[in-house]
Amino acid sequence: MPILNWLNKEQALTTARDCPYRLVELVPELSYGESDTDNMLIQGDNLDALKSLIPTHSGKVKCIFIDPPYNTKSAFEHYDDNLEHSKWLSMIYPRLELLQQLLSEDGSIWITLDDNEAHYFKVICDEIFGRANFIGNIIWQKRTSPANDAIYFSKDHDNIIVYAKNKTIWRPYRLPLNEAQAKNYKNPDNDERGLWNSAAYTCAKSSTERPNLYYPIIQPNTGEEIWPKKTRVWAYGQETHEKHCENNMIYWGKDGLSKSPRIKKFIEDAKPVVPRSIWMNSEVGHNQEARKEALNLFSDTPFSTPKPESLMQRILQVATQPKDLILDSFLGSGTTVAVAHKMNRRYIGIELDENAVTHCQPRLKKVVDGEQGGISEDVNWTGGSGFKFYRLGEVIFNENGSLREGISFDSLAAHIWYGDTRQALQQSARSPLLGVHNGVAYYLLYNGILGDKRPNGGNVLTSKVLSILPPHPEDPNNGKKVIYGETSRMGDARLKSENIIFKQIPYDVKGR
């Protein structure tokens, strides 16, 4: 498969790996609403934030949406979008690597870009996500009128590039009928079953078609025999056709004299619609609409390139169901998480510097309080739930690769579990037993998890501590166990007889 090379790519290939794990620290005074929530708003560099989420959220995110800087060589107030091409590629590559790890097996990632970097970006995504997992390039009509001052073409659209983590698993959710589609349903004959539309009564003829699909139909108002055209056959057999006649399912035109019967399709039976690859601004909004939404939310100058809430609604309709986890690591003014909140999705939003405090946090507070802009009326949003605000804290490992003092049990447990299994920790309750992976049970003796911080009371592996540890869930008698602790006072022979591999904190804890 062809790959893209650029200046300093070798460094970009190791950036994600070398990025240190940081703690994510709760900021209670900026959190809002119900405290029992998984919704996260994180302030900080998105590379560091994404790396910090790997131990706890790897493989858990159903939909990722990012709207990265477009590298348009124009300076935005809230983003420095003037990045030289190779720097832009080096910036985006490691972030995509981490996003790929966070995505669930049945998940998808959606990226908005214009033509400045979209085509280079796709080649990078082919390398990271796999060319076979490319879903498509959606064209979003972002303008309502042409740019008459354009030298070449009026740039009326953005690209929305879509990849699946695993295309053999991922499927889009179909869309309900929109207002324009619903207008095609009428009821000219006052059928008591309600609005309907008509569809062709024939289908294309092929060499394998059954002979029973070619027969005469009697036009009820003229008595004439009607046959399919030579290249067509009826779509239904005679027995089914007779039932259609009995149930008033055949439409013969406004005057009842048509020679081409059609079948009624009632709106209540209408199937969800397959998503299309061109999204018109009449359906999902446009830039001008997005700026109006921003002006209604923020008293200061809004972001220069916000996305309309209706665009995000369409993406979440196609990619997710209620309660699914959404992630946006280039959060901007907070549109993605605001829409996710209103649509009853869980979310993680990451935004750099003060934008998280000046734009995203106030916007989410308004959403929790029942803000009525954007898609609120469409989804019957009246308020509720909440979110937690976080900032990036200290790195877990210092520059020498040693574990920093004061790391909590939960943080270290998640890190150890991911380091050994490459999966996010799934613990429902705090326990020294972290879980079982490939038949191996993993334990952590740290920070007094057993209730006693004395040397013999829990952080050190002794015969007494071993006797009170939860048994191996799959093989209580002699299942293989990996136990992390400060030290072990059990000899090598005893460890071997108990089928234990002991790992010492901090020396055996992986720093990358």
Protein backbone atom coordinates (compact mmCIF):
# COMPACT_ATOMS: atom_id res chain seq x y z
CA MET A 1 0.00 0.00 0.00
CA PRO A 2 1.42 3.44 -0.87
CA ILE A 3 2.26 5.60 2.15
CA LEU A 4 2.90 9.30 2.57
CA ASN A 5 6.35 10.60 3.51
CA TRP A 6 7.22 14.09 4.71
CA LEU A 7 9.94 15.96 6.58
CA ASN A 8 10.22 14.70 10.19
CA LYS A 9 7.81 11.78 9.67
CA GLU A 10 10.17 9.48 11.58
CA GLN A 11 9.74 11.66 14.64
CA ALA A 12 5.96 11.76 14.17
CA LEU A 13 5.88 7.95 14.17
CA THR A 14 7.22 7.84 17.74
CA THR A 15 5.46 10.90 19.18
CA ALA A 16 2.41 9.02 20.49
CA ARG A 17 4.56 6.27 21.99
CA ASP A 18 6.90 8.73 23.71
CA CYS A 19 4.14 11.00 25.01
CA PRO A 20 3.99 10.49 28.81
CA TYR A 21 0.90 9.29 30.63
CA ARG A 22 -0.61 12.07 32.69
CA LEU A 23 -3.19 12.10 35.42
CA VAL A 24 -6.60 13.60 34.68
CA GLU A 25 -7.68 15.66 37.69
CA LEU A 26 -11.26 16.64 38.50
CA VAL A 27 -12.08 20.34 38.91
CA PRO A 28 -15.28 20.33 41.01
CA GLU A 29 -15.94 24.08 40.76
CA LEU A 30 -16.17 23.88 36.95
CA SER A 31 -18.21 20.67 36.88
CA TYR A 32 -21.97 21.11 36.67
CA GLY A 33 -25.27 19.27 37.03
CA GLU A 34 -25.73 15.70 38.19
CA SER A 35 -22.56 14.26 39.71
CA ASP A 36 -23.33 10.69 38.68
CA THR A 37 -22.21 11.14 35.08
CA ASP A 38 -19.51 9.81 32.76
CA ASN A 39 -19.50 12.99 30.65
CA MET A 40 -16.04 14.56 30.60
CA LEU A 41 -14.77 17.98 29.53
CA ILE A 42 -10.96 18.02 29.61
CA GLN A 43 -8.80 21.15 29.39
CA GLY A 44 -5.34 20.61 27.96
CA ASP A 45 -3.27 19.60 24.96
CA ASN A 46 -5.19 16.91 23.11
CA LEU A 47 -2.14 14.71 22.54
CA ASP A 48 -1.50 14.49 26.30
CA ALA A 49 -5.20 14.13 27.03
CA LEU A 50 -5.69 11.32 24.52
CA LYS A 51 -2.68 9.46 25.94
CA SER A 52 -4.12 9.84 29.45
CA LEU A 53 -7.40 8.24 28.31
CA ILE A 54 -5.77 5.15 26.80
CA PRO A 55 -5.63 3.05 30.02
CA THR A 56 -9.28 3.75 30.90
CA HIS A 57 -11.04 4.18 27.56
CA SER A 58 -9.13 2.12 24.99
CA GLY A 59 -11.62 0.36 22.71
CA LYS A 60 -14.65 2.04 24.31
CA VAL A 61 -15.47 5.03 22.05
CA LYS A 62 -18.27 4.39 19.54
CA CYS A 63 -17.88 7.59 17.53
CA ILE A 64 -15.03 10.06 17.19
CA PHE A 65 -15.59 13.41 15.50
CA ILE A 66 -12.74 15.84 14.95
CA ASP A 67 -12.62 19.19 13.21
CA PRO A 68 -8.87 19.87 13.19
CA PRO A 69 -7.23 23.08 11.91
CA TYR A 70 -7.58 23.17 8.14
CA ASN A 71 -4.09 24.62 7.50
CA THR A 72 -5.63 27.35 5.36
CA LYS A 73 -2.75 29.79 5.98
CA SER A 74 -5.07 32.22 7.70
CA ALA A 75 -4.81 33.14 11.37
CA PHE A 76 -7.97 32.46 13.37
CA GLU A 77 -8.53 34.17 16.70
CA HIS A 78 -8.88 30.91 18.63
CA TYR A 79 -6.52 28.72 16.57
CA ASP A 80 -3.23 29.29 14.82
CA ASP A 81 -4.24 27.66 11.56
CA ASN A 82 -1.09 28.72 9.70
CA LEU A 83 0.94 25.52 9.91
CA GLU A 84 3.47 24.53 7.31
CA HIS A 85 2.37 21.35 5.53
CA SER A 86 4.86 18.92 7.08
CA LYS A 87 4.23 20.33 10.55
CA TRP A 88 0.50 19.85 10.07
CA LEU A 89 1.04 16.22 9.07
CA SER A 90 3.35 15.66 12.05
CA MET A 91 0.74 17.21 14.34
CA ILE A 92 -2.16 15.07 13.12
CA TYR A 93 -0.41 11.70 12.77
CA PRO A 94 0.23 10.81 16.45
CA ARG A 95 -3.23 12.03 17.45
CA LEU A 96 -4.82 9.72 14.90
CA GLU A 97 -2.77 6.82 16.29
CA LEU A 98 -4.20 7.40 19.76
CA LEU A 99 -7.72 7.95 18.45
CA GLN A 100 -7.52 4.61 16.62
CA GLN A 101 -6.70 2.89 19.91
CA LEU A 102 -9.62 4.54 21.69
CA LEU A 103 -12.16 3.54 19.02
CA SER A 104 -14.35 0.49 19.68
CA GLU A 105 -14.36 -2.41 17.23
CA ASP A 106 -17.81 -1.34 15.98
CA GLY A 107 -16.92 2.35 16.03
CA SER A 108 -16.24 5.01 13.41
CA ILE A 109 -14.27 8.24 13.10
CA TRP A 110 -15.49 11.33 11.21
CA ILE A 111 -13.10 14.11 10.20
CA THR A 112 -14.02 17.45 8.57
CA LEU A 113 -11.46 19.09 6.31
CA ASP A 114 -11.34 21.23 3.20
CA ASP A 115 -9.26 20.43 0.12
CA ASN A 116 -6.01 21.89 1.53
CA GLU A 117 -5.16 18.70 3.43
CA ALA A 118 -8.04 16.26 2.88
CA HIS A 119 -6.34 14.14 0.23
CA TYR A 120 -3.04 13.88 2.11
CA PHE A 121 -5.03 13.15 5.24
CA LYS A 122 -6.77 10.20 3.64
CA VAL A 123 -3.43 8.58 2.79
CA ILE A 124 -2.40 8.90 6.45
CA CYS A 125 -5.71 7.38 7.55
CA ASP A 126 -5.19 4.49 5.13
CA GLU A 127 -1.92 3.81 6.94
CA ILE A 128 -3.32 4.09 10.48
CA PHE A 129 -6.86 2.71 10.13
CA GLY A 130 -6.25 0.48 7.10
CA ARG A 131 -7.34 1.23 3.55
CA ALA A 132 -9.96 -1.53 3.79
CA ASN A 133 -11.70 0.39 6.60
CA PHE A 134 -12.37 3.53 4.56
CA ILE A 135 -16.14 4.13 4.49
CA GLY A 136 -16.48 7.21 2.32
CA ASN A 137 -16.08 10.93 1.79
CA ILE A 138 -19.23 12.88 2.53
CA ILE A 139 -19.66 16.26 0.86
CA TRP A 140 -21.20 18.86 3.16
CA GLN A 141 -22.55 21.97 1.43
CA LYS A 142 -21.39 24.55 3.95
CA ARG A 143 -22.28 27.76 2.08
CA THR A 144 -25.64 29.21 1.16
CA SER A 145 -24.37 31.43 -1.66
CA PRO A 146 -21.29 31.49 -3.91
CA ALA A 147 -18.18 33.46 -3.02
CA ASN A 148 -18.12 35.90 -5.94
CA ASP A 149 -14.65 37.13 -5.00
CA ALA A 150 -13.13 33.66 -5.53
CA ILE A 151 -10.32 33.58 -8.10
CA TYR A 152 -10.91 29.99 -9.20
CA PHE A 153 -13.91 28.21 -7.64
CA SER A 154 -16.25 29.22 -4.87
CA LYS A 155 -15.44 26.72 -2.13
CA ASP A 156 -18.93 25.70 -1.18
CA HIS A 157 -18.26 22.39 0.59
CA ASP A 158 -16.18 20.61 3.20
CA ASN A 159 -15.15 16.98 3.18
CA ILE A 160 -16.24 14.64 5.97
CA ILE A 161 -13.91 11.65 5.78
CA VAL A 162 -15.24 8.51 7.47
CA TYR A 163 -13.34 5.42 8.61
CA ALA A 164 -14.46 2.41 10.63
CA LYS A 165 -12.29 0.62 13.16
CA ASN A 166 -13.48 -2.58 11.50
CA LYS A 167 -15.54 -2.18 8.33
CA THR A 168 -16.73 -5.81 8.44
CA ILE A 169 -18.51 -5.00 11.73
CA TRP A 170 -19.50 -1.34 11.46
CA ARG A 171 -22.81 -0.41 9.85
CA PRO A 172 -24.47 3.02 9.66
CA TYR A 173 -27.81 3.56 11.34
CA ARG A 174 -30.42 4.60 8.81
CA LEU A 175 -32.20 7.92 8.99
CA PRO A 176 -35.86 8.72 9.58
CA LEU A 177 -37.79 10.40 6.78
CA ASN A 178 -37.05 14.09 6.67
CA GLU A 179 -39.67 16.77 6.05
CA ALA A 180 -39.01 16.93 2.30
CA GLN A 181 -39.29 13.15 1.94
CA ALA A 182 -42.48 13.05 4.00
CA LYS A 183 -44.08 15.58 1.64
CA ASN A 184 -44.03 12.93 -1.10
CA TYR A 185 -46.73 11.03 0.79
CA LYS A 186 -50.30 12.05 -0.10
CA ASN A 187 -53.76 10.55 0.21
CA PRO A 188 -55.63 11.41 -3.02
CA ASP A 189 -58.23 8.64 -2.57
CA ASN A 190 -58.84 9.33 1.14
CA ASP A 191 -57.59 5.90 2.13
CA GLU A 192 -58.42 5.37 5.79
CA ARG A 193 -54.95 3.94 6.37
CA GLY A 194 -53.44 7.39 5.92
CA LEU A 195 -50.73 9.00 3.76
CA TRP A 196 -49.12 6.91 1.04
CA ASN A 197 -46.78 7.09 -1.90
CA SER A 198 -46.80 4.85 -4.97
CA ALA A 199 -43.98 2.65 -6.24
CA ALA A 200 -43.38 0.75 -9.47
CA TYR A 201 -45.27 -2.54 -9.86
CA THR A 202 -42.62 -4.05 -12.15
CA CYS A 203 -38.98 -5.03 -11.90
CA ALA A 204 -36.24 -5.67 -14.43
CA LYS A 205 -36.44 -8.94 -16.36
CA SER A 206 -33.52 -11.35 -16.09
CA SER A 207 -32.66 -14.83 -17.34
CA THR A 208 -33.38 -16.28 -13.90
CA GLU A 209 -36.80 -14.67 -13.41
CA ARG A 210 -39.68 -16.99 -12.59
CA PRO A 211 -42.25 -17.41 -15.39
CA ASN A 212 -45.09 -16.71 -12.95
CA LEU A 213 -44.11 -13.03 -12.88
CA TYR A 214 -45.21 -12.56 -16.49
CA TYR A 215 -49.02 -12.60 -16.76
CA PRO A 216 -51.87 -10.22 -17.75
CA ILE A 217 -53.42 -7.82 -15.24
CA ILE A 218 -56.95 -6.53 -15.88
CA GLN A 219 -57.35 -2.77 -15.77
CA PRO A 220 -60.45 -2.51 -13.50
CA ASN A 221 -61.91 0.62 -15.11
CA THR A 222 -61.42 -0.33 -18.78
CA GLY A 223 -61.32 -4.13 -18.71
CA GLU A 224 -58.13 -4.07 -20.78
CA GLU A 225 -55.40 -6.68 -20.33
CA ILE A 226 -52.16 -5.05 -19.18
CA TRP A 227 -48.83 -6.83 -19.69
CA PRO A 228 -45.38 -5.77 -18.49
CA LYS A 229 -43.12 -4.23 -21.09
CA LYS A 230 -40.76 -6.67 -22.82
CA THR A 231 -37.79 -5.83 -20.59
CA ARG A 232 -39.86 -5.98 -17.39
CA VAL A 233 -41.91 -8.44 -15.32
CA TRP A 234 -44.38 -7.90 -12.52
CA ALA A 235 -42.75 -7.58 -9.11
CA TYR A 236 -45.39 -9.87 -7.55
CA GLY A 237 -46.89 -13.23 -8.36
CA GLN A 238 -50.59 -13.58 -9.30
CA GLU A 239 -51.71 -14.74 -5.86
CA THR A 240 -50.05 -11.74 -4.20
CA HIS A 241 -51.51 -9.43 -6.86
CA GLU A 242 -55.01 -10.65 -6.12
CA LYS A 243 -54.52 -9.85 -2.45
CA HIS A 244 -53.33 -6.38 -3.42
CA CYS A 245 -56.55 -5.86 -5.38
CA GLU A 246 -58.69 -7.05 -2.48
CA ASN A 247 -56.88 -4.70 -0.08
CA ASN A 248 -57.03 -1.61 -2.33
CA MET A 249 -53.26 -1.51 -2.74
CA ILE A 250 -53.16 -0.79 -6.49
CA TYR A 251 -53.06 2.77 -7.81
CA TRP A 252 -54.18 3.41 -11.42
CA GLY A 253 -53.42 7.13 -11.60
CA LYS A 254 -55.48 10.23 -10.82
CA ASP A 255 -58.15 9.41 -13.39
CA GLY A 256 -58.04 5.66 -12.74
CA LEU A 257 -57.26 4.93 -16.41
CA SER A 258 -53.51 4.42 -16.33
CA LYS A 259 -52.02 1.40 -18.12
CA SER A 260 -49.16 1.20 -15.60
CA PRO A 261 -50.30 0.03 -12.15
CA ARG A 262 -48.39 1.16 -9.08
CA ILE A 263 -48.47 -0.14 -5.50
CA LYS A 264 -49.29 1.95 -2.44
CA LYS A 265 -46.57 2.39 0.17
CA PHE A 266 -47.94 3.84 3.44
CA ILE A 267 -45.91 6.33 5.42
CA GLU A 268 -46.38 4.38 8.64
CA ASP A 269 -44.61 1.44 6.99
CA ALA A 270 -41.80 3.55 5.53
CA LYS A 271 -38.37 2.14 6.25
CA PRO A 272 -35.51 4.31 7.54
CA VAL A 273 -33.52 5.92 4.76
CA VAL A 274 -29.97 4.94 3.82
CA PRO A 275 -27.54 7.86 4.41
CA ARG A 276 -26.32 9.53 1.23
CA SER A 277 -22.86 10.92 0.50
CA ILE A 278 -23.95 14.50 -0.28
CA TRP A 279 -25.42 16.48 2.62
CA MET A 280 -27.15 19.67 1.54
CA ASN A 281 -27.24 22.68 3.82
CA SER A 282 -31.03 22.62 3.66
CA GLU A 283 -30.86 19.33 5.59
CA VAL A 284 -27.91 19.70 7.98
CA GLY A 285 -27.23 23.42 8.24
CA HIS A 286 -24.45 25.70 7.02
CA ASN A 287 -21.72 28.01 8.28
CA GLN A 288 -23.95 31.05 8.54
CA GLU A 289 -26.42 29.11 10.68
CA ALA A 290 -23.56 27.89 12.87
CA ARG A 291 -22.31 31.44 13.42
CA LYS A 292 -25.80 32.58 14.43
CA GLU A 293 -25.98 29.72 16.94
CA ALA A 294 -22.60 30.80 18.33
CA LEU A 295 -23.64 34.45 18.58
CA ASN A 296 -26.66 33.42 20.63
CA LEU A 297 -24.40 31.52 23.03
CA PHE A 298 -21.34 33.73 23.43
CA SER A 299 -21.15 37.45 24.13
CA ASP A 300 -17.62 37.75 22.73
CA THR A 301 -16.45 37.06 19.19
CA PRO A 302 -17.40 33.46 18.37
CA PHE A 303 -15.17 30.88 16.75
CA SER A 304 -14.57 31.56 13.07
CA THR A 305 -15.47 28.07 11.86
CA PRO A 306 -18.12 26.52 14.11
CA LYS A 307 -20.23 23.63 12.85
CA PRO A 308 -24.04 23.79 13.02
CA GLU A 309 -25.74 21.59 15.58
CA SER A 310 -27.84 19.97 12.86
CA LEU A 311 -24.69 18.70 11.12
CA MET A 312 -23.51 17.03 14.32
CA GLN A 313 -27.00 15.65 14.85
CA ARG A 314 -26.85 13.93 11.45
CA ILE A 315 -23.44 12.40 12.21
CA LEU A 316 -24.57 11.08 15.59
CA GLN A 317 -27.79 9.72 14.06
CA VAL A 318 -25.80 7.72 11.53
CA ALA A 319 -22.95 6.63 13.83
CA THR A 320 -24.47 6.12 17.29
CA GLN A 321 -27.36 5.13 19.51
CA PRO A 322 -28.37 6.62 22.90
CA LYS A 323 -25.82 6.01 25.69
CA ASP A 324 -22.96 5.42 23.19
CA LEU A 325 -19.68 7.20 23.98
CA ILE A 326 -18.63 10.12 21.75
CA LEU A 327 -15.20 11.79 21.64
CA ASP A 328 -14.10 15.11 20.15
CA SER A 329 -10.45 16.07 20.74
CA PHE A 330 -10.59 19.36 18.77
CA LEU A 331 -13.66 20.61 20.60
CA GLY A 332 -13.61 24.28 19.58
CA SER A 333 -16.76 25.96 20.83
CA GLY A 334 -18.24 22.70 22.13
CA THR A 335 -20.82 21.88 19.44
CA THR A 336 -20.13 18.13 19.45
CA VAL A 337 -20.62 17.62 23.19
CA ALA A 338 -23.61 20.00 23.31
CA VAL A 339 -25.39 17.94 20.65
CA ALA A 340 -24.30 14.64 22.22
CA HIS A 341 -25.72 15.82 25.55
CA LYS A 342 -29.07 16.75 23.99
CA MET A 343 -29.21 13.41 22.15
CA ASN A 344 -28.55 11.35 25.30
CA ARG A 345 -25.07 10.23 24.31
CA ARG A 346 -22.13 10.03 26.71
CA TYR A 347 -19.16 12.14 25.70
CA ILE A 348 -15.57 13.23 26.19
CA GLY A 349 -14.57 16.65 24.88
CA ILE A 350 -10.97 17.94 24.84
CA GLU A 351 -10.07 21.57 24.29
CA LEU A 352 -6.84 23.53 24.67
CA ASP A 353 -6.10 26.48 26.97
CA GLU A 354 -8.83 28.85 28.10
CA ASN A 355 -11.27 27.95 25.34
CA ALA A 356 -12.42 25.06 27.50
CA VAL A 357 -13.35 27.53 30.26
CA THR A 358 -14.53 30.51 28.20
CA HIS A 359 -16.62 28.63 25.61
CA CYS A 360 -17.14 24.91 26.17
CA GLN A 361 -17.94 24.89 29.89
CA PRO A 362 -20.46 27.78 29.78
CA ARG A 363 -22.11 26.24 26.72
CA LEU A 364 -22.56 22.88 28.45
CA LYS A 365 -23.94 24.61 31.56
CA LYS A 366 -26.61 26.19 29.37
CA VAL A 367 -27.39 22.81 27.81
CA VAL A 368 -27.81 21.22 31.25
CA ASP A 369 -30.14 24.10 32.18
CA GLY A 370 -32.30 23.47 29.09
CA GLU A 371 -30.89 25.85 26.45
CA GLN A 372 -33.27 25.97 23.47
CA GLY A 373 -31.02 26.81 20.52
CA GLY A 374 -29.79 24.51 17.78
CA ILE A 375 -31.48 21.10 17.72
CA SER A 376 -33.20 21.44 21.12
CA GLU A 377 -36.73 21.70 19.74
CA ASP A 378 -36.16 18.89 17.24
CA VAL A 379 -35.07 16.43 19.97
CA ASN A 380 -37.43 17.80 22.65
CA TRP A 381 -34.56 18.85 24.88
CA THR A 382 -35.58 20.37 28.21
CA GLY A 383 -32.37 20.03 30.23
CA GLY A 384 -30.84 17.62 32.73
CA SER A 385 -27.85 15.37 33.46
CA GLY A 386 -24.42 16.94 33.93
CA PHE A 387 -20.70 16.86 33.15
CA LYS A 388 -17.38 16.79 34.97
CA PHE A 389 -14.56 19.20 34.19
CA TYR A 390 -10.96 17.94 34.26
CA ARG A 391 -7.48 19.32 33.80
CA LEU A 392 -4.32 17.42 32.95
CA GLY A 393 -2.12 16.87 35.97
CA GLU A 394 1.33 15.46 36.66
CA VAL A 395 2.84 12.71 34.56
CA ILE A 396 2.58 9.24 36.12
CA PHE A 397 6.25 8.52 35.42
CA ASN A 398 9.03 11.06 35.87
CA GLU A 399 11.84 11.74 33.43
CA ASN A 400 13.77 8.73 34.78
CA GLY A 401 10.85 6.40 34.10
CA SER A 402 10.08 6.00 37.82
CA LEU A 403 6.58 6.08 39.22
CA ARG A 404 5.75 9.41 40.84
CA GLU A 405 4.72 9.45 44.49
CA GLY A 406 1.09 9.97 45.36
CA ILE A 407 -0.44 8.16 42.35
CA SER A 408 -3.88 6.80 43.27
CA PHE A 409 -4.77 3.12 43.22
CA ASP A 410 -7.33 3.67 40.44
CA SER A 411 -4.84 5.46 38.19
CA LEU A 412 -2.10 2.88 38.68
CA ALA A 413 -4.53 -0.03 38.30
CA ALA A 414 -5.79 1.30 34.96
CA HIS A 415 -2.24 1.90 33.77
CA ILE A 416 -0.95 -1.54 34.78
CA TRP A 417 -3.92 -3.34 33.28
CA TYR A 418 -3.57 -1.54 29.96
CA GLY A 419 0.20 -1.99 29.91
CA ASP A 420 -0.13 -5.77 30.28
CA THR A 421 -3.32 -6.43 28.30
CA ARG A 422 -3.71 -3.46 25.90
CA GLN A 423 -7.32 -3.18 27.05
CA ALA A 424 -9.15 -0.62 29.17
CA LEU A 425 -9.82 -1.62 32.76
CA GLN A 426 -13.41 -2.75 33.31
CA GLN A 427 -13.56 -2.89 37.13
CA SER A 428 -17.01 -2.15 38.56
CA ALA A 429 -15.72 -1.99 42.16
CA ARG A 430 -12.27 -1.32 43.64
CA SER A 431 -10.50 -4.59 44.29
CA PRO A 432 -6.93 -5.90 44.26
CA LEU A 433 -8.14 -8.29 41.55
CA LEU A 434 -8.07 -6.21 38.38
CA GLY A 435 -9.40 -8.92 36.06
CA VAL A 436 -8.50 -11.94 33.97
CA HIS A 437 -6.88 -11.76 30.54
CA ASN A 438 -6.01 -14.84 28.46
CA GLY A 439 -6.44 -17.02 31.53
CA VAL A 440 -4.12 -14.89 33.72
CA ALA A 441 -5.51 -13.10 36.79
CA TYR A 442 -3.91 -9.71 37.55
CA TYR A 443 -3.66 -8.28 41.08
CA LEU A 444 -2.42 -4.96 42.44
CA LEU A 445 -1.24 -4.49 46.04
CA TYR A 446 -0.94 -0.74 46.40
CA ASN A 447 -2.03 2.21 48.50
CA GLY A 448 -3.64 0.06 51.20
CA ILE A 449 -6.19 -1.58 48.89
CA LEU A 450 -6.64 -4.32 51.52
CA GLY A 451 -7.26 -1.75 54.24
CA ASP A 452 -3.86 -1.74 55.95
CA LYS A 453 -0.79 0.15 54.74
CA ARG A 454 1.69 -1.52 57.14
CA PRO A 455 4.41 -3.64 55.46
CA ASN A 456 2.68 -6.90 56.34
CA GLY A 457 -0.81 -5.54 55.83
CA GLY A 458 -1.45 -5.33 52.14
CA ASN A 459 1.15 -3.64 49.96
CA VAL A 460 3.66 -6.46 50.43
CA LEU A 461 2.98 -9.98 49.17
CA THR A 462 3.07 -12.40 52.11
CA SER A 463 1.40 -15.74 52.79
CA LYS A 464 -1.21 -13.94 54.86
CA VAL A 465 -1.96 -11.42 52.10
CA LEU A 466 -2.15 -14.20 49.52
CA SER A 467 -4.71 -16.05 51.63
CA ILE A 468 -7.11 -13.09 51.66
CA LEU A 469 -6.80 -12.13 47.99
CA PRO A 470 -9.86 -12.90 45.82
CA PRO A 471 -9.39 -16.30 44.17
CA HIS A 472 -8.58 -16.70 40.48
CA PRO A 473 -12.09 -16.43 38.90
CA GLU A 474 -11.46 -19.12 36.29
CA ASP A 475 -9.16 -21.53 38.16
CA PRO A 476 -9.27 -21.02 41.96
CA ASN A 477 -6.89 -23.91 42.66
CA ASN A 478 -3.88 -23.22 40.45
CA GLY A 479 -4.72 -20.46 37.97
CA LYS A 480 -1.84 -18.34 36.73
CA LYS A 481 -1.55 -15.03 38.58
CA VAL A 482 0.45 -11.84 38.06
CA ILE A 483 0.72 -9.83 41.28
CA TYR A 484 2.10 -6.29 41.46
CA GLY A 485 3.27 -5.04 44.85
CA GLU A 486 5.96 -3.10 46.70
CA THR A 487 7.90 -6.28 47.43
CA SER A 488 7.41 -10.02 48.03
CA ARG A 489 8.36 -11.99 51.11
CA MET A 490 7.57 -15.28 49.46
CA GLY A 491 10.45 -17.30 48.06
CA ASP A 492 10.84 -18.27 44.42
CA ALA A 493 9.84 -21.86 45.10
CA ARG A 494 6.63 -20.81 46.85
CA LEU A 495 5.76 -18.36 44.07
CA LYS A 496 6.28 -21.10 41.49
CA SER A 497 4.13 -23.58 43.43
CA GLU A 498 1.32 -21.00 43.65
CA ASN A 499 1.70 -20.22 39.90
CA ILE A 500 2.49 -16.56 40.67
CA ILE A 501 4.59 -14.10 38.71
CA PHE A 502 5.47 -11.23 41.06
CA LYS A 503 6.21 -7.76 39.65
CA GLN A 504 7.65 -5.02 41.82
CA ILE A 505 6.33 -1.47 41.89
CA PRO A 506 7.66 0.81 40.45
CA TYR A 507 10.41 -1.05 38.60
CA ASP A 508 8.23 -3.52 36.69
CA VAL A 509 5.52 -1.00 35.77
CA LYS A 510 5.74 -0.06 32.10
CA GLY A 511 6.27 3.64 31.52
CA ARG A 512 5.24 3.60 27.86
